[in-house]
Amino acid sequence: MRLIQHIIKDKEKLEEMEMELLKIGYKNYLMFTIVINTGLSISDILKLKVIDLKNKTLINITDQNTNKINTFRINPMLKVEIDNFIKLMSDEDYLFQSGKKENQPINSVEAYRVLNIAASTVGLEEIDHHTLRKTFGYWHYKQHKNVALLQDLFNQSAPTITLRYIEINEDIKF
């Protein structure tokens, strides 16, 4: 039985994942990069269309559970990556087009299959649907120490829940 990689706490492994996904395809690299830089979930970004990102510095996503609109900043490095990717696409194209279904996004099963191929190649354990969001949260907290912002981003009810989610409590204990 394989273990799930809850958070990628090694910066070198993050860079190796980026390089491996880039080898597999720029679309896969960008998918990973958007989640690692925003904390959005894979299921949320798969629904994005070009028009949602074109000439924008913010991403607005409607939370599936709360129906609340969450806004995420696109940092300048990520904006360059997105702009390069979408420059030849039409506004109504999905950002992460399926190669099998016309004008449909790839599904989350396919996204995680690709992520796990890259993870395995770089020596990481299996990645699940929370790994990349938790990784974003972990590194964001390490840099900014702003648990309240992460709590809001993740729609969690208490700072203690957020710290447990991003496994900060484990780091403090040991």
C-alpha atoms as a PDB file:
ATOM      1  CA  MET A   1       0.000   0.000   0.000  1.00  0.00           C
ATOM      2  CA  ARG A   2       1.361   3.422  -0.966  1.00  0.00           C
ATOM      3  CA  LEU A   3       1.285   6.315   1.463  1.00  0.00           C
ATOM      4  CA  ILE A   4      -0.293   9.646   0.601  1.00  0.00           C
ATOM      5  CA  GLN A   5       2.026  12.663   0.402  1.00  0.00           C
ATOM      6  CA  HIS A   6       0.150  15.163   2.560  1.00  0.00           C
ATOM      7  CA  ILE A   7       2.410  18.193   2.058  1.00  0.00           C
ATOM      8  CA  ILE A   8       5.531  18.756  -0.002  1.00  0.00           C
ATOM      9  CA  LYS A   9       7.835  20.393   2.547  1.00  0.00           C
ATOM     10  CA  ASP A  10      11.007  20.117   0.492  1.00  0.00           C
ATOM     11  CA  LYS A  11      11.566  23.071  -1.886  1.00  0.00           C
ATOM     12  CA  GLU A  12      13.815  20.949  -4.101  1.00  0.00           C
ATOM     13  CA  LYS A  13      11.033  18.386  -4.559  1.00  0.00           C
ATOM     14  CA  LEU A  14       8.643  21.180  -5.557  1.00  0.00           C
ATOM     15  CA  GLU A  15      11.121  22.322  -8.197  1.00  0.00           C
ATOM     16  CA  GLU A  16      11.651  18.738  -9.375  1.00  0.00           C
ATOM     17  CA  MET A  17       7.862  18.323  -9.693  1.00  0.00           C
ATOM     18  CA  GLU A  18       7.675  21.499 -11.782  1.00  0.00           C
ATOM     19  CA  MET A  19      10.442  20.281 -14.097  1.00  0.00           C
ATOM     20  CA  GLU A  20       8.906  16.814 -14.444  1.00  0.00           C
ATOM     21  CA  LEU A  21       5.465  18.230 -15.215  1.00  0.00           C
ATOM     22  CA  LEU A  22       7.035  20.592 -17.746  1.00  0.00           C
ATOM     23  CA  LYS A  23       8.519  17.527 -19.508  1.00  0.00           C
ATOM     24  CA  ILE A  24       5.075  15.882 -19.596  1.00  0.00           C
ATOM     25  CA  GLY A  25       3.473  19.057 -20.961  1.00  0.00           C
ATOM     26  CA  TYR A  26       3.191  22.754 -20.275  1.00  0.00           C
ATOM     27  CA  LYS A  27      -0.513  22.379 -19.423  1.00  0.00           C
ATOM     28  CA  ASN A  28       0.400  20.030 -16.557  1.00  0.00           C
ATOM     29  CA  TYR A  29       3.129  22.341 -15.304  1.00  0.00           C
ATOM     30  CA  LEU A  30       0.730  25.301 -15.347  1.00  0.00           C
ATOM     31  CA  MET A  31      -1.972  23.358 -13.508  1.00  0.00           C
ATOM     32  CA  PHE A  32       0.503  22.542 -10.719  1.00  0.00           C
ATOM     33  CA  THR A  33       1.899  26.096 -10.685  1.00  0.00           C
ATOM     34  CA  ILE A  34      -1.528  27.724 -10.375  1.00  0.00           C
ATOM     35  CA  VAL A  35      -2.483  25.562  -7.381  1.00  0.00           C
ATOM     36  CA  ILE A  36       0.893  25.951  -5.656  1.00  0.00           C
ATOM     37  CA  ASN A  37       0.697  29.746  -6.071  1.00  0.00           C
ATOM     38  CA  THR A  38      -2.971  30.326  -5.200  1.00  0.00           C
ATOM     39  CA  GLY A  39      -4.170  27.512  -2.944  1.00  0.00           C
ATOM     40  CA  LEU A  40      -7.075  26.819  -5.273  1.00  0.00           C
ATOM     41  CA  SER A  41      -8.200  23.222  -5.587  1.00  0.00           C
ATOM     42  CA  ILE A  42      -7.611  21.223  -8.739  1.00  0.00           C
ATOM     43  CA  SER A  43     -11.375  20.797  -9.192  1.00  0.00           C
ATOM     44  CA  ASP A  44     -11.795  24.594  -9.142  1.00  0.00           C
ATOM     45  CA  ILE A  45      -9.077  25.399 -11.653  1.00  0.00           C
ATOM     46  CA  LEU A  46     -10.165  22.713 -14.119  1.00  0.00           C
ATOM     47  CA  LYS A  47     -13.352  24.735 -14.703  1.00  0.00           C
ATOM     48  CA  LEU A  48     -11.468  27.931 -15.581  1.00  0.00           C
ATOM     49  CA  LYS A  49     -11.816  29.323 -19.071  1.00  0.00           C
ATOM     50  CA  VAL A  50      -9.395  31.665 -20.806  1.00  0.00           C
ATOM     51  CA  ILE A  51     -11.788  34.590 -20.295  1.00  0.00           C
ATOM     52  CA  ASP A  52     -11.584  34.005 -16.504  1.00  0.00           C
ATOM     53  CA  LEU A  53      -7.862  34.845 -16.569  1.00  0.00           C
ATOM     54  CA  LYS A  54      -7.255  36.983 -19.643  1.00  0.00           C
ATOM     55  CA  ASN A  55      -5.962  40.465 -18.706  1.00  0.00           C
ATOM     56  CA  LYS A  56      -6.693  39.828 -15.033  1.00  0.00           C
ATOM     57  CA  THR A  57      -4.688  39.875 -11.821  1.00  0.00           C
ATOM     58  CA  LEU A  58      -7.391  38.167  -9.744  1.00  0.00           C
ATOM     59  CA  ILE A  59      -9.164  34.821 -10.074  1.00  0.00           C
ATOM     60  CA  ASN A  60     -12.774  34.665  -8.865  1.00  0.00           C
ATOM     61  CA  ILE A  61     -13.974  31.183  -7.955  1.00  0.00           C
ATOM     62  CA  THR A  62     -17.378  30.218  -6.561  1.00  0.00           C
ATOM     63  CA  ASP A  63     -16.874  27.753  -3.704  1.00  0.00           C
ATOM     64  CA  GLN A  64     -18.878  24.607  -4.478  1.00  0.00           C
ATOM     65  CA  ASN A  65     -19.777  24.018  -0.820  1.00  0.00           C
ATOM     66  CA  THR A  66     -20.677  27.531   0.367  1.00  0.00           C
ATOM     67  CA  ASN A  67     -21.556  29.226  -2.949  1.00  0.00           C
ATOM     68  CA  LYS A  68     -19.303  32.067  -1.715  1.00  0.00           C
ATOM     69  CA  ILE A  69     -17.132  33.844  -4.293  1.00  0.00           C
ATOM     70  CA  ASN A  70     -13.470  33.612  -3.344  1.00  0.00           C
ATOM     71  CA  THR A  71     -10.910  35.903  -4.931  1.00  0.00           C
ATOM     72  CA  PHE A  72      -7.300  34.855  -5.410  1.00  0.00           C
ATOM     73  CA  ARG A  73      -4.448  37.087  -6.518  1.00  0.00           C
ATOM     74  CA  ILE A  74      -2.375  36.079  -9.526  1.00  0.00           C
ATOM     75  CA  ASN A  75       1.224  36.938  -8.692  1.00  0.00           C
ATOM     76  CA  PRO A  76       3.327  38.554 -11.464  1.00  0.00           C
ATOM     77  CA  MET A  77       5.335  35.373 -12.202  1.00  0.00           C
ATOM     78  CA  LEU A  78       2.148  33.309 -12.501  1.00  0.00           C
ATOM     79  CA  LYS A  79       0.524  35.985 -14.680  1.00  0.00           C
ATOM     80  CA  VAL A  80       3.394  35.715 -17.178  1.00  0.00           C
ATOM     81  CA  GLU A  81       3.027  31.912 -17.251  1.00  0.00           C
ATOM     82  CA  ILE A  82      -0.744  32.131 -17.801  1.00  0.00           C
ATOM     83  CA  ASP A  83      -0.465  34.862 -20.446  1.00  0.00           C
ATOM     84  CA  ASN A  84       2.084  32.812 -22.422  1.00  0.00           C
ATOM     85  CA  PHE A  85      -0.161  29.755 -22.244  1.00  0.00           C
ATOM     86  CA  ILE A  86      -3.408  31.439 -23.346  1.00  0.00           C
ATOM     87  CA  LYS A  87      -2.111  33.788 -26.042  1.00  0.00           C
ATOM     88  CA  LEU A  88      -3.233  31.524 -28.904  1.00  0.00           C
ATOM     89  CA  MET A  89      -6.439  30.296 -27.236  1.00  0.00           C
ATOM     90  CA  SER A  90      -9.959  31.666 -27.650  1.00  0.00           C
ATOM     91  CA  ASP A  91     -11.786  33.260 -24.714  1.00  0.00           C
ATOM     92  CA  GLU A  92     -14.269  30.384 -24.356  1.00  0.00           C
ATOM     93  CA  ASP A  93     -11.625  27.636 -24.315  1.00  0.00           C
ATOM     94  CA  TYR A  94     -11.103  25.814 -21.065  1.00  0.00           C
ATOM     95  CA  LEU A  95      -7.672  26.537 -19.681  1.00  0.00           C
ATOM     96  CA  PHE A  96      -6.992  22.810 -19.314  1.00  0.00           C
ATOM     97  CA  GLN A  97      -8.624  21.317 -22.394  1.00  0.00           C
ATOM     98  CA  SER A  98      -9.345  17.629 -22.597  1.00  0.00           C
ATOM     99  CA  GLY A  99      -7.653  15.892 -25.489  1.00  0.00           C
ATOM    100  CA  LYS A 100     -10.562  13.444 -25.652  1.00  0.00           C
ATOM    101  CA  LYS A 101     -13.679  15.642 -25.462  1.00  0.00           C
ATOM    102  CA  GLU A 102     -14.132  18.730 -27.615  1.00  0.00           C
ATOM    103  CA  ASN A 103     -14.275  21.969 -25.612  1.00  0.00           C
ATOM    104  CA  GLN A 104     -14.319  20.184 -22.271  1.00  0.00           C
ATOM    105  CA  PRO A 105     -11.745  20.426 -19.475  1.00  0.00           C
ATOM    106  CA  ILE A 106      -9.692  17.476 -18.364  1.00  0.00           C
ATOM    107  CA  ASN A 107     -11.283  15.748 -15.396  1.00  0.00           C
ATOM    108  CA  SER A 108      -9.799  15.536 -11.916  1.00  0.00           C
ATOM    109  CA  VAL A 109      -8.969  11.834 -12.318  1.00  0.00           C
ATOM    110  CA  GLU A 110      -6.753  12.643 -15.312  1.00  0.00           C
ATOM    111  CA  ALA A 111      -5.198  15.609 -13.494  1.00  0.00           C
ATOM    112  CA  TYR A 112      -4.242  13.484 -10.492  1.00  0.00           C
ATOM    113  CA  ARG A 113      -2.980  10.678 -12.717  1.00  0.00           C
ATOM    114  CA  VAL A 114      -0.502  13.087 -14.322  1.00  0.00           C
ATOM    115  CA  LEU A 115       0.475  14.612 -10.961  1.00  0.00           C
ATOM    116  CA  ASN A 116       1.126  11.174  -9.514  1.00  0.00           C
ATOM    117  CA  ILE A 117       3.243  10.118 -12.487  1.00  0.00           C
ATOM    118  CA  ALA A 118       5.450  13.167 -11.896  1.00  0.00           C
ATOM    119  CA  ALA A 119       5.465  12.615  -8.113  1.00  0.00           C
ATOM    120  CA  SER A 120       6.552   9.016  -8.523  1.00  0.00           C
ATOM    121  CA  THR A 121       9.311  10.033 -10.939  1.00  0.00           C
ATOM    122  CA  VAL A 122      10.793  12.509  -8.441  1.00  0.00           C
ATOM    123  CA  GLY A 123      10.492  10.104  -5.500  1.00  0.00           C
ATOM    124  CA  LEU A 124       7.394  11.462  -3.774  1.00  0.00           C
ATOM    125  CA  GLU A 125       4.585   9.360  -2.408  1.00  0.00           C
ATOM    126  CA  GLU A 126       1.118   9.464  -3.942  1.00  0.00           C
ATOM    127  CA  ILE A 127      -0.488  12.908  -4.157  1.00  0.00           C
ATOM    128  CA  ASP A 128      -4.145  13.264  -3.199  1.00  0.00           C
ATOM    129  CA  HIS A 129      -6.673  16.043  -3.803  1.00  0.00           C
ATOM    130  CA  HIS A 130      -5.508  18.067  -0.780  1.00  0.00           C
ATOM    131  CA  THR A 131      -1.730  17.769  -1.195  1.00  0.00           C
ATOM    132  CA  LEU A 132      -1.152  20.837  -3.364  1.00  0.00           C
ATOM    133  CA  ARG A 133      -3.512  23.115  -1.383  1.00  0.00           C
ATOM    134  CA  LYS A 134      -1.894  22.008   1.864  1.00  0.00           C
ATOM    135  CA  THR A 135       1.524  22.585   0.330  1.00  0.00           C
ATOM    136  CA  PHE A 136       0.502  26.112  -0.677  1.00  0.00           C
ATOM    137  CA  GLY A 137      -0.778  26.752   2.849  1.00  0.00           C
ATOM    138  CA  TYR A 138       2.329  25.340   4.477  1.00  0.00           C
ATOM    139  CA  TRP A 139       4.736  27.519   2.478  1.00  0.00           C
ATOM    140  CA  HIS A 140       2.492  30.590   2.693  1.00  0.00           C
ATOM    141  CA  TYR A 141       2.375  30.257   6.485  1.00  0.00           C
ATOM    142  CA  LYS A 142       6.150  29.709   6.700  1.00  0.00           C
ATOM    143  CA  GLN A 143       6.699  32.951   4.750  1.00  0.00           C
ATOM    144  CA  HIS A 144       3.930  35.211   6.101  1.00  0.00           C
ATOM    145  CA  LYS A 145       2.776  33.639   9.418  1.00  0.00           C
ATOM    146  CA  ASN A 146      -0.783  34.759   8.561  1.00  0.00           C
ATOM    147  CA  VAL A 147      -3.065  31.955   9.701  1.00  0.00           C
ATOM    148  CA  ALA A 148      -6.167  34.189   9.513  1.00  0.00           C
ATOM    149  CA  LEU A 149      -5.721  34.682   5.758  1.00  0.00           C
ATOM    150  CA  LEU A 150      -5.247  30.946   5.194  1.00  0.00           C
ATOM    151  CA  GLN A 151      -8.252  30.169   7.386  1.00  0.00           C
ATOM    152  CA  ASP A 152     -10.341  32.438   5.170  1.00  0.00           C
ATOM    153  CA  LEU A 153      -8.879  31.046   1.922  1.00  0.00           C
ATOM    154  CA  PHE A 154      -9.597  27.482   3.006  1.00  0.00           C
ATOM    155  CA  ASN A 155     -13.037  28.355   4.464  1.00  0.00           C
ATOM    156  CA  GLN A 156     -12.127  26.843   7.826  1.00  0.00           C
ATOM    157  CA  SER A 157     -13.812  27.737  11.100  1.00  0.00           C
ATOM    158  CA  ALA A 158     -10.803  28.129  13.403  1.00  0.00           C
ATOM    159  CA  PRO A 159      -7.054  28.863  13.216  1.00  0.00           C
ATOM    160  CA  THR A 160      -6.307  25.581  14.991  1.00  0.00           C
ATOM    161  CA  ILE A 161      -8.049  23.670  12.198  1.00  0.00           C
ATOM    162  CA  THR A 162      -6.019  25.533   9.574  1.00  0.00           C
ATOM    163  CA  LEU A 163      -2.716  24.913  11.383  1.00  0.00           C
ATOM    164  CA  ARG A 164      -3.569  21.217  11.659  1.00  0.00           C
ATOM    165  CA  TYR A 165      -4.595  21.119   7.966  1.00  0.00           C
ATOM    166  CA  ILE A 166      -1.225  22.526   6.859  1.00  0.00           C
ATOM    167  CA  GLU A 167       0.621  20.389   9.442  1.00  0.00           C
ATOM    168  CA  ILE A 168       2.270  23.335  11.146  1.00  0.00           C
ATOM    169  CA  ASN A 169       1.470  21.928  14.595  1.00  0.00           C
ATOM    170  CA  GLU A 170       3.547  18.834  13.814  1.00  0.00           C
ATOM    171  CA  ASP A 171       6.544  21.008  12.875  1.00  0.00           C
ATOM    172  CA  ILE A 172       6.292  22.967  16.141  1.00  0.00           C
ATOM    173  CA  LYS A 173       6.083  19.806  18.252  1.00  0.00           C
ATOM    174  CA  PHE A 174       9.205  18.200  16.813  1.00  0.00           C
END
